[in-house]
C-alpha atoms as a PDB file:
ATOM      1  CA  MET A   1     121.830 -49.852 372.870  1.00  0.00           C
ATOM      2  CA  GLU A   2     122.639 -46.467 374.654  1.00  0.00           C
ATOM      3  CA  LEU A   3     123.179 -43.275 373.104  1.00  0.00           C
ATOM      4  CA  ARG A   4     126.744 -43.151 375.498  1.00  0.00           C
ATOM      5  CA  GLN A   5     127.592 -45.979 373.365  1.00  0.00           C
ATOM      6  CA  LEU A   6     126.998 -44.473 369.897  1.00  0.00           C
ATOM      7  CA  GLU A   7     128.688 -41.287 370.903  1.00  0.00           C
ATOM      8  CA  HIS A   8     131.991 -43.647 371.600  1.00  0.00           C
ATOM      9  CA  PHE A   9     131.274 -45.513 368.430  1.00  0.00           C
ATOM     10  CA  VAL A  10     131.017 -42.105 366.344  1.00  0.00           C
ATOM     11  CA  ALA A  11     134.447 -40.599 368.184  1.00  0.00           C
ATOM     12  CA  VAL A  12     136.123 -43.904 367.040  1.00  0.00           C
ATOM     13  CA  ALA A  13     134.791 -43.718 364.043  1.00  0.00           C
ATOM     14  CA  GLU A  14     136.029 -40.170 363.501  1.00  0.00           C
ATOM     15  CA  GLU A  15     138.975 -40.370 365.056  1.00  0.00           C
ATOM     16  CA  ARG A  16     140.158 -43.608 363.071  1.00  0.00           C
ATOM     17  CA  HIS A  17     142.096 -44.220 366.329  1.00  0.00           C
ATOM     18  CA  PHE A  18     141.092 -45.734 369.808  1.00  0.00           C
ATOM     19  CA  THR A  19     143.468 -43.892 371.983  1.00  0.00           C
ATOM     20  CA  ARG A  20     142.520 -39.998 370.213  1.00  0.00           C
ATOM     21  CA  ALA A  21     138.991 -40.823 370.897  1.00  0.00           C
ATOM     22  CA  ALA A  22     139.170 -42.165 374.491  1.00  0.00           C
ATOM     23  CA  GLU A  23     141.139 -38.542 374.872  1.00  0.00           C
ATOM     24  CA  ARG A  24     138.284 -36.396 373.149  1.00  0.00           C
ATOM     25  CA  LEU A  25     135.574 -38.011 375.178  1.00  0.00           C
ATOM     26  CA  ALA A  26     137.587 -38.003 378.266  1.00  0.00           C
ATOM     27  CA  VAL A  27     137.101 -41.641 379.361  1.00  0.00           C
ATOM     28  CA  SER A  28     139.804 -44.360 380.107  1.00  0.00           C
ATOM     29  CA  GLN A  29     140.699 -46.197 376.796  1.00  0.00           C
ATOM     30  CA  SER A  30     139.449 -49.769 378.135  1.00  0.00           C
ATOM     31  CA  GLY A  31     136.085 -48.118 378.853  1.00  0.00           C
ATOM     32  CA  LEU A  32     135.702 -47.037 375.665  1.00  0.00           C
ATOM     33  CA  SER A  33     136.544 -50.096 373.949  1.00  0.00           C
ATOM     34  CA  ALA A  34     134.252 -52.208 376.706  1.00  0.00           C
ATOM     35  CA  SER A  35     131.917 -49.862 375.102  1.00  0.00           C
ATOM     36  CA  VAL A  36     132.474 -50.618 371.936  1.00  0.00           C
ATOM     37  CA  ARG A  37     132.639 -54.308 371.714  1.00  0.00           C
ATOM     38  CA  ALA A  38     129.245 -54.581 373.750  1.00  0.00           C
ATOM     39  CA  LEU A  39     127.598 -52.315 370.793  1.00  0.00           C
ATOM     40  CA  GLU A  40     129.492 -55.303 368.565  1.00  0.00           C
ATOM     41  CA  HIS A  41     128.260 -57.993 370.765  1.00  0.00           C
ATOM     42  CA  GLU A  42     124.825 -56.602 370.699  1.00  0.00           C
ATOM     43  CA  LEU A  43     124.411 -55.777 366.742  1.00  0.00           C
ATOM     44  CA  ARG A  44     126.445 -59.421 366.344  1.00  0.00           C
ATOM     45  CA  THR A  45     128.784 -57.964 363.912  1.00  0.00           C
ATOM     46  CA  PRO A  46     132.196 -56.491 363.867  1.00  0.00           C
ATOM     47  CA  LEU A  47     131.967 -52.644 363.525  1.00  0.00           C
ATOM     48  CA  PHE A  48     135.744 -52.092 363.183  1.00  0.00           C
ATOM     49  CA  SER A  49     138.532 -53.947 361.483  1.00  0.00           C
ATOM     50  CA  ARG A  50     141.544 -53.625 363.546  1.00  0.00           C
ATOM     51  CA  THR A  51     145.039 -53.771 362.899  1.00  0.00           C
ATOM     52  CA  THR A  52     148.276 -52.515 365.295  1.00  0.00           C
ATOM     53  CA  ARG A  53     148.250 -49.458 363.528  1.00  0.00           C
ATOM     54  CA  THR A  54     144.437 -48.794 361.808  1.00  0.00           C
ATOM     55  CA  VAL A  55     141.034 -48.995 362.512  1.00  0.00           C
ATOM     56  CA  ARG A  56     138.941 -48.756 359.773  1.00  0.00           C
ATOM     57  CA  LEU A  57     135.012 -49.076 359.422  1.00  0.00           C
ATOM     58  CA  THR A  58     133.532 -52.396 358.272  1.00  0.00           C
ATOM     59  CA  GLU A  59     130.759 -52.242 356.195  1.00  0.00           C
ATOM     60  CA  ALA A  60     128.116 -52.624 358.661  1.00  0.00           C
ATOM     61  CA  GLY A  61     129.979 -50.205 361.003  1.00  0.00           C
ATOM     62  CA  ALA A  62     130.077 -47.549 357.732  1.00  0.00           C
ATOM     63  CA  ALA A  63     126.005 -48.150 357.615  1.00  0.00           C
ATOM     64  CA  LEU A  64     125.435 -47.760 361.239  1.00  0.00           C
ATOM     65  CA  LEU A  65     128.083 -44.510 361.317  1.00  0.00           C
ATOM     66  CA  VAL A  66     124.703 -42.873 359.416  1.00  0.00           C
ATOM     67  CA  GLU A  67     121.891 -43.608 362.053  1.00  0.00           C
ATOM     68  CA  ALA A  68     124.176 -43.121 364.733  1.00  0.00           C
ATOM     69  CA  GLU A  69     125.246 -39.309 363.365  1.00  0.00           C
ATOM     70  CA  ARG A  70     121.401 -38.940 362.840  1.00  0.00           C
ATOM     71  CA  THR A  71     120.387 -40.366 366.208  1.00  0.00           C
ATOM     72  CA  LEU A  72     122.638 -38.268 367.793  1.00  0.00           C
ATOM     73  CA  ALA A  73     121.896 -35.117 366.031  1.00  0.00           C
ATOM     74  CA  GLY A  74     117.979 -35.909 366.722  1.00  0.00           C
ATOM     75  CA  ALA A  75     119.224 -36.404 370.690  1.00  0.00           C
ATOM     76  CA  ARG A  76     120.622 -33.317 370.391  1.00  0.00           C
ATOM     77  CA  ALA A  77     118.132 -31.215 369.391  1.00  0.00           C
ATOM     78  CA  ALA A  78     115.658 -32.807 371.648  1.00  0.00           C
ATOM     79  CA  ARG A  79     117.660 -31.469 374.772  1.00  0.00           C
ATOM     80  CA  ASP A  80     118.097 -28.210 372.904  1.00  0.00           C
ATOM     81  CA  ALA A  81     114.402 -27.423 372.531  1.00  0.00           C
ATOM     82  CA  VAL A  82     113.382 -28.330 375.969  1.00  0.00           C
ATOM     83  CA  ASP A  83     116.286 -25.271 376.859  1.00  0.00           C
ATOM     84  CA  ALA A  84     114.822 -23.121 374.816  1.00  0.00           C
ATOM     85  CA  VAL A  85     111.656 -23.512 376.144  1.00  0.00           C
ATOM     86  CA  ARG A  86     113.110 -22.792 379.360  1.00  0.00           C
ATOM     87  CA  GLY A  87     114.883 -19.763 378.025  1.00  0.00           C
ATOM     88  CA  LEU A  88     118.100 -20.959 377.973  1.00  0.00           C
ATOM     89  CA  LEU A  89     120.649 -21.983 374.669  1.00  0.00           C
ATOM     90  CA  ARG A  90     122.487 -24.753 376.018  1.00  0.00           C
ATOM     91  CA  GLY A  91     124.219 -27.483 374.024  1.00  0.00           C
ATOM     92  CA  THR A  92     126.521 -27.588 370.874  1.00  0.00           C
ATOM     93  CA  LEU A  93     126.490 -25.847 367.755  1.00  0.00           C
ATOM     94  CA  THR A  94     127.965 -27.609 364.610  1.00  0.00           C
ATOM     95  CA  LEU A  95     129.011 -25.321 361.849  1.00  0.00           C
ATOM     96  CA  GLY A  96     130.515 -26.078 358.635  1.00  0.00           C
ATOM     97  CA  VAL A  97     131.964 -23.404 356.343  1.00  0.00           C
ATOM     98  CA  GLU A  98     133.936 -23.240 353.012  1.00  0.00           C
ATOM     99  CA  GLN A  99     137.389 -21.420 353.766  1.00  0.00           C
ATOM    100  CA  CYS A 100     136.963 -17.591 352.564  1.00  0.00           C
ATOM    101  CA  VAL A 101     133.080 -18.053 351.845  1.00  0.00           C
ATOM    102  CA  ALA A 102     131.897 -14.330 350.769  1.00  0.00           C
ATOM    103  CA  GLY A 103     129.057 -12.691 352.463  1.00  0.00           C
ATOM    104  CA  VAL A 104     129.621 -13.213 356.018  1.00  0.00           C
ATOM    105  CA  SER A 105     132.580 -12.906 358.903  1.00  0.00           C
ATOM    106  CA  THR A 106     132.866 -16.450 360.262  1.00  0.00           C
ATOM    107  CA  ALA A 107     134.923 -15.110 363.294  1.00  0.00           C
ATOM    108  CA  ARG A 108     133.107 -12.109 364.191  1.00  0.00           C
ATOM    109  CA  LEU A 109     129.647 -13.755 363.471  1.00  0.00           C
ATOM    110  CA  LEU A 110     130.948 -16.922 366.256  1.00  0.00           C
ATOM    111  CA  ALA A 111     132.240 -14.374 368.891  1.00  0.00           C
ATOM    112  CA  ALA A 112     128.970 -12.090 368.840  1.00  0.00           C
ATOM    113  CA  PHE A 113     126.987 -15.786 369.038  1.00  0.00           C
ATOM    114  CA  HIS A 114     129.221 -16.953 372.113  1.00  0.00           C
ATOM    115  CA  ARG A 115     128.538 -13.226 373.495  1.00  0.00           C
ATOM    116  CA  GLU A 116     124.880 -13.654 373.463  1.00  0.00           C
ATOM    117  CA  HIS A 117     124.652 -17.805 373.947  1.00  0.00           C
ATOM    118  CA  PRO A 118     128.021 -18.219 376.530  1.00  0.00           C
ATOM    119  CA  HIS A 119     126.901 -22.001 377.445  1.00  0.00           C
ATOM    120  CA  MET A 120     126.367 -22.948 373.688  1.00  0.00           C
ATOM    121  CA  GLU A 121     129.203 -25.075 372.797  1.00  0.00           C
ATOM    122  CA  ILE A 122     130.518 -24.153 368.963  1.00  0.00           C
ATOM    123  CA  ARG A 123     132.344 -26.301 366.892  1.00  0.00           C
ATOM    124  CA  LEU A 124     133.622 -25.203 363.693  1.00  0.00           C
ATOM    125  CA  ARG A 125     134.128 -27.766 360.436  1.00  0.00           C
ATOM    126  CA  GLN A 126     135.905 -26.436 357.404  1.00  0.00           C
ATOM    127  CA  GLU A 127     135.223 -28.686 354.443  1.00  0.00           C
ATOM    128  CA  GLY A 128     134.416 -28.368 350.585  1.00  0.00           C
ATOM    129  CA  THR A 129     130.507 -27.777 349.673  1.00  0.00           C
ATOM    130  CA  SER A 130     130.128 -31.229 348.731  1.00  0.00           C
ATOM    131  CA  SER A 131     131.057 -32.990 352.344  1.00  0.00           C
ATOM    132  CA  LEU A 132     129.063 -29.645 353.913  1.00  0.00           C
ATOM    133  CA  LEU A 133     126.034 -30.856 351.935  1.00  0.00           C
ATOM    134  CA  GLU A 134     126.059 -34.367 353.571  1.00  0.00           C
ATOM    135  CA  GLY A 135     126.649 -32.714 356.865  1.00  0.00           C
ATOM    136  CA  VAL A 136     123.414 -30.980 357.140  1.00  0.00           C
ATOM    137  CA  ALA A 137     121.487 -33.888 355.589  1.00  0.00           C
ATOM    138  CA  GLY A 138     123.261 -36.375 357.939  1.00  0.00           C
ATOM    139  CA  GLY A 139     122.397 -34.162 361.069  1.00  0.00           C
ATOM    140  CA  ARG A 140     126.374 -33.980 361.501  1.00  0.00           C
ATOM    141  CA  LEU A 141     126.129 -29.941 360.923  1.00  0.00           C
ATOM    142  CA  ASP A 142     123.311 -27.779 362.081  1.00  0.00           C
ATOM    143  CA  LEU A 143     123.644 -25.598 359.340  1.00  0.00           C
ATOM    144  CA  ALA A 144     126.439 -24.409 356.826  1.00  0.00           C
ATOM    145  CA  PHE A 145     127.921 -21.480 355.016  1.00  0.00           C
ATOM    146  CA  ALA A 146     128.730 -22.964 351.474  1.00  0.00           C
ATOM    147  CA  ALA A 147     129.493 -22.119 347.625  1.00  0.00           C
ATOM    148  CA  THR A 148     127.720 -22.588 344.431  1.00  0.00           C
ATOM    149  CA  VAL A 149     124.976 -24.721 345.498  1.00  0.00           C
ATOM    150  CA  SER A 150     122.201 -25.285 342.813  1.00  0.00           C
ATOM    151  CA  PRO A 151     118.653 -26.103 344.145  1.00  0.00           C
ATOM    152  CA  PRO A 152     118.662 -30.107 342.490  1.00  0.00           C
ATOM    153  CA  GLU A 153     121.374 -30.510 345.343  1.00  0.00           C
ATOM    154  CA  TRP A 154     119.460 -29.545 348.156  1.00  0.00           C
ATOM    155  CA  ARG A 155     116.241 -30.096 349.139  1.00  0.00           C
ATOM    156  CA  GLY A 156     116.611 -27.797 352.188  1.00  0.00           C
ATOM    157  CA  GLU A 157     116.331 -23.813 352.604  1.00  0.00           C
ATOM    158  CA  LEU A 158     119.321 -22.007 350.480  1.00  0.00           C
ATOM    159  CA  VAL A 159     119.618 -18.516 352.170  1.00  0.00           C
ATOM    160  CA  PRO A 160     121.841 -15.707 349.413  1.00  0.00           C
ATOM    161  CA  LEU A 161     124.834 -14.140 351.366  1.00  0.00           C
ATOM    162  CA  ALA A 162     126.787 -13.054 348.312  1.00  0.00           C
ATOM    163  CA  ARG A 163     127.152 -13.128 344.666  1.00  0.00           C
ATOM    164  CA  GLU A 164     129.892 -11.744 342.915  1.00  0.00           C
ATOM    165  CA  PRO A 165     131.704 -12.040 339.665  1.00  0.00           C
ATOM    166  CA  MET A 166     134.764 -14.774 338.792  1.00  0.00           C
ATOM    167  CA  VAL A 167     138.005 -12.795 337.516  1.00  0.00           C
ATOM    168  CA  VAL A 168     141.418 -14.135 336.128  1.00  0.00           C
ATOM    169  CA  LEU A 169     144.087 -13.327 339.040  1.00  0.00           C
ATOM    170  CA  CYS A 170     147.420 -13.224 336.605  1.00  0.00           C
ATOM    171  CA  ALA A 171     150.859 -12.287 337.849  1.00  0.00           C
ATOM    172  CA  PRO A 172     152.587  -9.218 336.725  1.00  0.00           C
ATOM    173  CA  GLY A 173     153.691  -9.447 332.956  1.00  0.00           C
ATOM    174  CA  HIS A 174     151.665 -12.106 332.248  1.00  0.00           C
ATOM    175  CA  ARG A 175     150.639 -11.865 328.461  1.00  0.00           C
ATOM    176  CA  LEU A 176     146.745 -11.533 329.709  1.00  0.00           C
ATOM    177  CA  THR A 177     147.510  -8.499 331.446  1.00  0.00           C
ATOM    178  CA  GLN A 178     148.857  -6.610 328.281  1.00  0.00           C
ATOM    179  CA  GLU A 179     145.507  -7.151 326.178  1.00  0.00           C
ATOM    180  CA  ASP A 180     144.357  -3.761 324.724  1.00  0.00           C
ATOM    181  CA  ASP A 181     140.907  -4.293 326.255  1.00  0.00           C
ATOM    182  CA  ALA A 182     139.697  -4.505 329.960  1.00  0.00           C
ATOM    183  CA  ARG A 183     138.569  -7.577 329.590  1.00  0.00           C
ATOM    184  CA  VAL A 184     139.720 -11.028 328.116  1.00  0.00           C
ATOM    185  CA  PRO A 185     137.620 -13.670 325.618  1.00  0.00           C
ATOM    186  CA  TRP A 186     137.295 -16.798 326.646  1.00  0.00           C
ATOM    187  CA  GLY A 187     139.024 -18.018 323.975  1.00  0.00           C
ATOM    188  CA  GLU A 188     142.031 -16.510 324.742  1.00  0.00           C
ATOM    189  CA  LEU A 189     142.592 -18.674 328.050  1.00  0.00           C
ATOM    190  CA  ARG A 190     143.116 -22.042 325.891  1.00  0.00           C
ATOM    191  CA  GLY A 191     146.592 -23.167 326.503  1.00  0.00           C
ATOM    192  CA  GLU A 192     147.028 -21.646 329.580  1.00  0.00           C
ATOM    193  CA  SER A 193     148.097 -23.562 332.969  1.00  0.00           C
ATOM    194  CA  PHE A 194     145.429 -23.384 335.903  1.00  0.00           C
ATOM    195  CA  ILE A 195     146.307 -23.379 339.448  1.00  0.00           C
ATOM    196  CA  ASP A 196     143.072 -24.495 341.503  1.00  0.00           C
ATOM    197  CA  PHE A 197     141.192 -25.861 344.394  1.00  0.00           C
ATOM    198  CA  HIS A 198     140.499 -29.584 344.774  1.00  0.00           C
ATOM    199  CA  PRO A 199     136.986 -30.250 342.920  1.00  0.00           C
ATOM    200  CA  ASP A 200     135.018 -29.842 346.306  1.00  0.00           C
ATOM    201  CA  TRP A 201     135.910 -26.401 346.662  1.00  0.00           C
ATOM    202  CA  GLY A 202     133.404 -23.876 345.742  1.00  0.00           C
ATOM    203  CA  PRO A 203     135.508 -21.290 343.685  1.00  0.00           C
ATOM    204  CA  ARG A 204     136.830 -24.540 341.796  1.00  0.00           C
ATOM    205  CA  ARG A 205     132.754 -25.995 340.960  1.00  0.00           C
ATOM    206  CA  ALA A 206     132.155 -22.404 339.859  1.00  0.00           C
ATOM    207  CA  ALA A 207     135.223 -22.651 337.607  1.00  0.00           C
ATOM    208  CA  ASP A 208     134.568 -25.904 336.330  1.00  0.00           C
ATOM    209  CA  GLU A 209     131.000 -24.942 335.604  1.00  0.00           C
ATOM    210  CA  ALA A 210     131.968 -21.229 333.811  1.00  0.00           C
ATOM    211  CA  PHE A 211     134.486 -23.314 331.407  1.00  0.00           C
ATOM    212  CA  ALA A 212     131.972 -25.995 330.553  1.00  0.00           C
ATOM    213  CA  VAL A 213     129.212 -23.348 329.325  1.00  0.00           C
ATOM    214  CA  ALA A 214     132.130 -21.395 327.255  1.00  0.00           C
ATOM    215  CA  GLY A 215     133.090 -24.488 325.844  1.00  0.00           C
ATOM    216  CA  VAL A 216     136.900 -24.186 326.805  1.00  0.00           C
ATOM    217  CA  ARG A 217     138.962 -26.631 327.792  1.00  0.00           C
ATOM    218  CA  ARG A 218     141.131 -26.410 330.677  1.00  0.00           C
ATOM    219  CA  THR A 219     144.212 -28.209 332.253  1.00  0.00           C
ATOM    220  CA  VAL A 220     144.610 -27.587 336.417  1.00  0.00           C
ATOM    221  CA  ALA A 221     148.128 -28.490 337.083  1.00  0.00           C
ATOM    222  CA  LEU A 222     148.304 -27.533 340.528  1.00  0.00           C
ATOM    223  CA  GLU A 223     145.844 -27.863 342.594  1.00  0.00           C
ATOM    224  CA  VAL A 224     146.173 -26.770 346.513  1.00  0.00           C
ATOM    225  CA  ASN A 225     143.450 -26.753 349.438  1.00  0.00           C
ATOM    226  CA  ASP A 226     143.933 -23.143 350.882  1.00  0.00           C
ATOM    227  CA  VAL A 227     143.808 -19.636 349.253  1.00  0.00           C
ATOM    228  CA  HIS A 228     147.149 -18.384 350.609  1.00  0.00           C
ATOM    229  CA  SER A 229     149.038 -21.088 348.520  1.00  0.00           C
ATOM    230  CA  LEU A 230     147.233 -20.671 345.489  1.00  0.00           C
ATOM    231  CA  LEU A 231     147.982 -16.799 345.829  1.00  0.00           C
ATOM    232  CA  GLU A 232     151.828 -17.803 346.294  1.00  0.00           C
ATOM    233  CA  LEU A 233     151.664 -20.075 343.566  1.00  0.00           C
ATOM    234  CA  VAL A 234     150.112 -17.271 340.750  1.00  0.00           C
ATOM    235  CA  HIS A 235     152.666 -14.885 342.335  1.00  0.00           C
ATOM    236  CA  GLU A 236     155.645 -16.936 341.170  1.00  0.00           C
ATOM    237  CA  GLY A 237     154.204 -17.056 337.543  1.00  0.00           C
ATOM    238  CA  LEU A 238     153.381 -21.096 337.938  1.00  0.00           C
ATOM    239  CA  GLY A 239     149.969 -20.461 336.582  1.00  0.00           C
ATOM    240  CA  ILE A 240     146.442 -18.534 336.469  1.00  0.00           C
ATOM    241  CA  ALA A 241     143.743 -18.825 338.587  1.00  0.00           C
ATOM    242  CA  VAL A 242     140.249 -18.266 338.052  1.00  0.00           C
ATOM    243  CA  VAL A 243     138.981 -16.660 341.715  1.00  0.00           C
ATOM    244  CA  PRO A 244     136.197 -15.156 342.923  1.00  0.00           C
ATOM    245  CA  HIS A 245     136.895 -11.468 342.757  1.00  0.00           C
ATOM    246  CA  HIS A 246     137.367 -10.810 346.811  1.00  0.00           C
ATOM    247  CA  PHE A 247     140.578 -13.195 346.804  1.00  0.00           C
ATOM    248  CA  SER A 248     142.178 -10.215 344.805  1.00  0.00           C
ATOM    249  CA  ARG A 249     141.489  -7.870 347.463  1.00  0.00           C
ATOM    250  CA  LYS A 250     143.579  -9.702 349.842  1.00  0.00           C
ATOM    251  CA  PRO A 251     146.451  -8.680 351.261  1.00  0.00           C
ATOM    252  CA  GLU A 252     148.370 -11.948 350.043  1.00  0.00           C
ATOM    253  CA  ALA A 253     147.187 -10.886 346.607  1.00  0.00           C
ATOM    254  CA  ARG A 254     149.188  -7.234 346.364  1.00  0.00           C
ATOM    255  CA  GLY A 255     150.742  -6.994 342.948  1.00  0.00           C
ATOM    256  CA  LEU A 256     148.535  -9.444 341.320  1.00  0.00           C
ATOM    257  CA  VAL A 257     146.433  -8.268 338.123  1.00  0.00           C
ATOM    258  CA  ALA A 258     142.423  -9.433 338.387  1.00  0.00           C
ATOM    259  CA  VAL A 259     141.482  -9.654 334.956  1.00  0.00           C
ATOM    260  CA  GLU A 260     137.691  -9.690 333.818  1.00  0.00           C
ATOM    261  CA  LEU A 261     136.161 -12.127 331.325  1.00  0.00           C
ATOM    262  CA  ASP A 262     134.457 -11.087 328.558  1.00  0.00           C
ATOM    263  CA  GLY A 263     131.870 -12.800 326.744  1.00  0.00           C
ATOM    264  CA  ALA A 264     128.047 -14.223 327.010  1.00  0.00           C
ATOM    265  CA  HIS A 265     128.567 -15.902 329.771  1.00  0.00           C
ATOM    266  CA  ARG A 266     130.201 -14.314 333.166  1.00  0.00           C
ATOM    267  CA  PRO A 267     130.775 -16.485 335.566  1.00  0.00           C
ATOM    268  CA  ALA A 268     129.697 -15.445 339.104  1.00  0.00           C
ATOM    269  CA  TYR A 269     130.743 -16.932 342.454  1.00  0.00           C
ATOM    270  CA  GLU A 270     127.555 -17.780 345.189  1.00  0.00           C
ATOM    271  CA  SER A 271     127.805 -18.172 348.454  1.00  0.00           C
ATOM    272  CA  VAL A 272     124.419 -19.333 350.356  1.00  0.00           C
ATOM    273  CA  VAL A 273     123.655 -20.754 353.856  1.00  0.00           C
ATOM    274  CA  VAL A 274     122.814 -24.686 353.493  1.00  0.00           C
ATOM    275  CA  LEU A 275     119.992 -25.227 356.086  1.00  0.00           C
ATOM    276  CA  PRO A 276     117.953 -28.180 357.372  1.00  0.00           C
ATOM    277  CA  PRO A 277     114.515 -28.385 356.412  1.00  0.00           C
ATOM    278  CA  ALA A 278     112.239 -25.823 359.246  1.00  0.00           C
ATOM    279  CA  GLN A 279     111.309 -28.824 361.389  1.00  0.00           C
ATOM    280  CA  ALA A 280     114.866 -30.182 361.818  1.00  0.00           C
ATOM    281  CA  MET A 281     116.290 -26.423 362.672  1.00  0.00           C
ATOM    282  CA  THR A 282     118.119 -26.814 366.260  1.00  0.00           C
ATOM    283  CA  PRO A 283     117.681 -23.573 368.493  1.00  0.00           C
ATOM    284  CA  GLY A 284     121.172 -22.836 368.178  1.00  0.00           C
ATOM    285  CA  ALA A 285     121.107 -22.684 364.179  1.00  0.00           C
ATOM    286  CA  LYS A 286     118.061 -20.625 364.543  1.00  0.00           C
ATOM    287  CA  ALA A 287     119.658 -17.974 366.933  1.00  0.00           C
ATOM    288  CA  LEU A 288     122.817 -18.127 364.534  1.00  0.00           C
ATOM    289  CA  MET A 289     120.724 -17.403 361.694  1.00  0.00           C
ATOM    290  CA  THR A 290     119.558 -14.004 363.676  1.00  0.00           C
ATOM    291  CA  LEU A 291     122.609 -13.105 363.877  1.00  0.00           C
ATOM    292  CA  VAL A 292     123.498 -13.824 360.038  1.00  0.00           C
ATOM    293  CA  ARG A 293     120.907 -11.456 358.859  1.00  0.00           C
ATOM    294  CA  GLU A 294     122.424  -8.515 361.201  1.00  0.00           C
ATOM    295  CA  ALA A 295     123.949  -6.112 358.564  1.00  0.00           C
ATOM    296  CA  PRO A 296     127.345  -5.287 360.704  1.00  0.00           C
ATOM    297  CA  LEU A 297     128.278  -9.086 360.616  1.00  0.00           C
ATOM    298  CA  ARG A 298     127.507  -9.446 356.731  1.00  0.00           C
END
């Protein structure tokens, strides 16, 4: 079994398509297919279930994928460590990030990293927090910027980035904006229709936890995958949203009303850097963390 074969296998597994995987790897489709067939022959089992339209992992393929990703990550780390000793940073930095994560400007951070380490290839993956944790644990990601991660979920290091209150975002004229008090009691949210992200996203995780602690049941009528869609739906009066406070300062949120919540429990949104154990940190991840700690990029 060769690293090249594992790279070919992982590419097909991620793309779920031989042609796209071949284009991504800059190899011929016939060569890629032959490489995967040789791997299947060596392991004496099919790794993919193929039809004319789909390519899916078999049970054996799914088991191999976990170990293949870990093996390739280890090989990359070994190469990067040797380059670091020589004073060079080469290879690939793969970063995972929640959308609109607080406490760091991802674009400015990566731009600064590229200026300092132009020979490093940067790969960015935007995913929900649960997927980010799995990616760092499996070696698919070098590190990740995530939200609302509890210590029991992660045995590696968590570096705090930011903590801010969650607020209720409403369209102008909504009944919650008419309250005399500047804060709205949790009980006032009963019966409202909510707009929120899918359960894997950090703001949704924070909101679900807050409602559970407050003992208030709610219905999420509209689930979205991006901030702009959420803000548009709130603008149209199709529901309200409990979101991190910095969402209310986005240009797209202009005209919406942010209302604070009252009570013993005031929900908070936390963002963190998810790091693997120290011995598994790649040189690229260490270099990025140096920049993360610099105030102008925070």
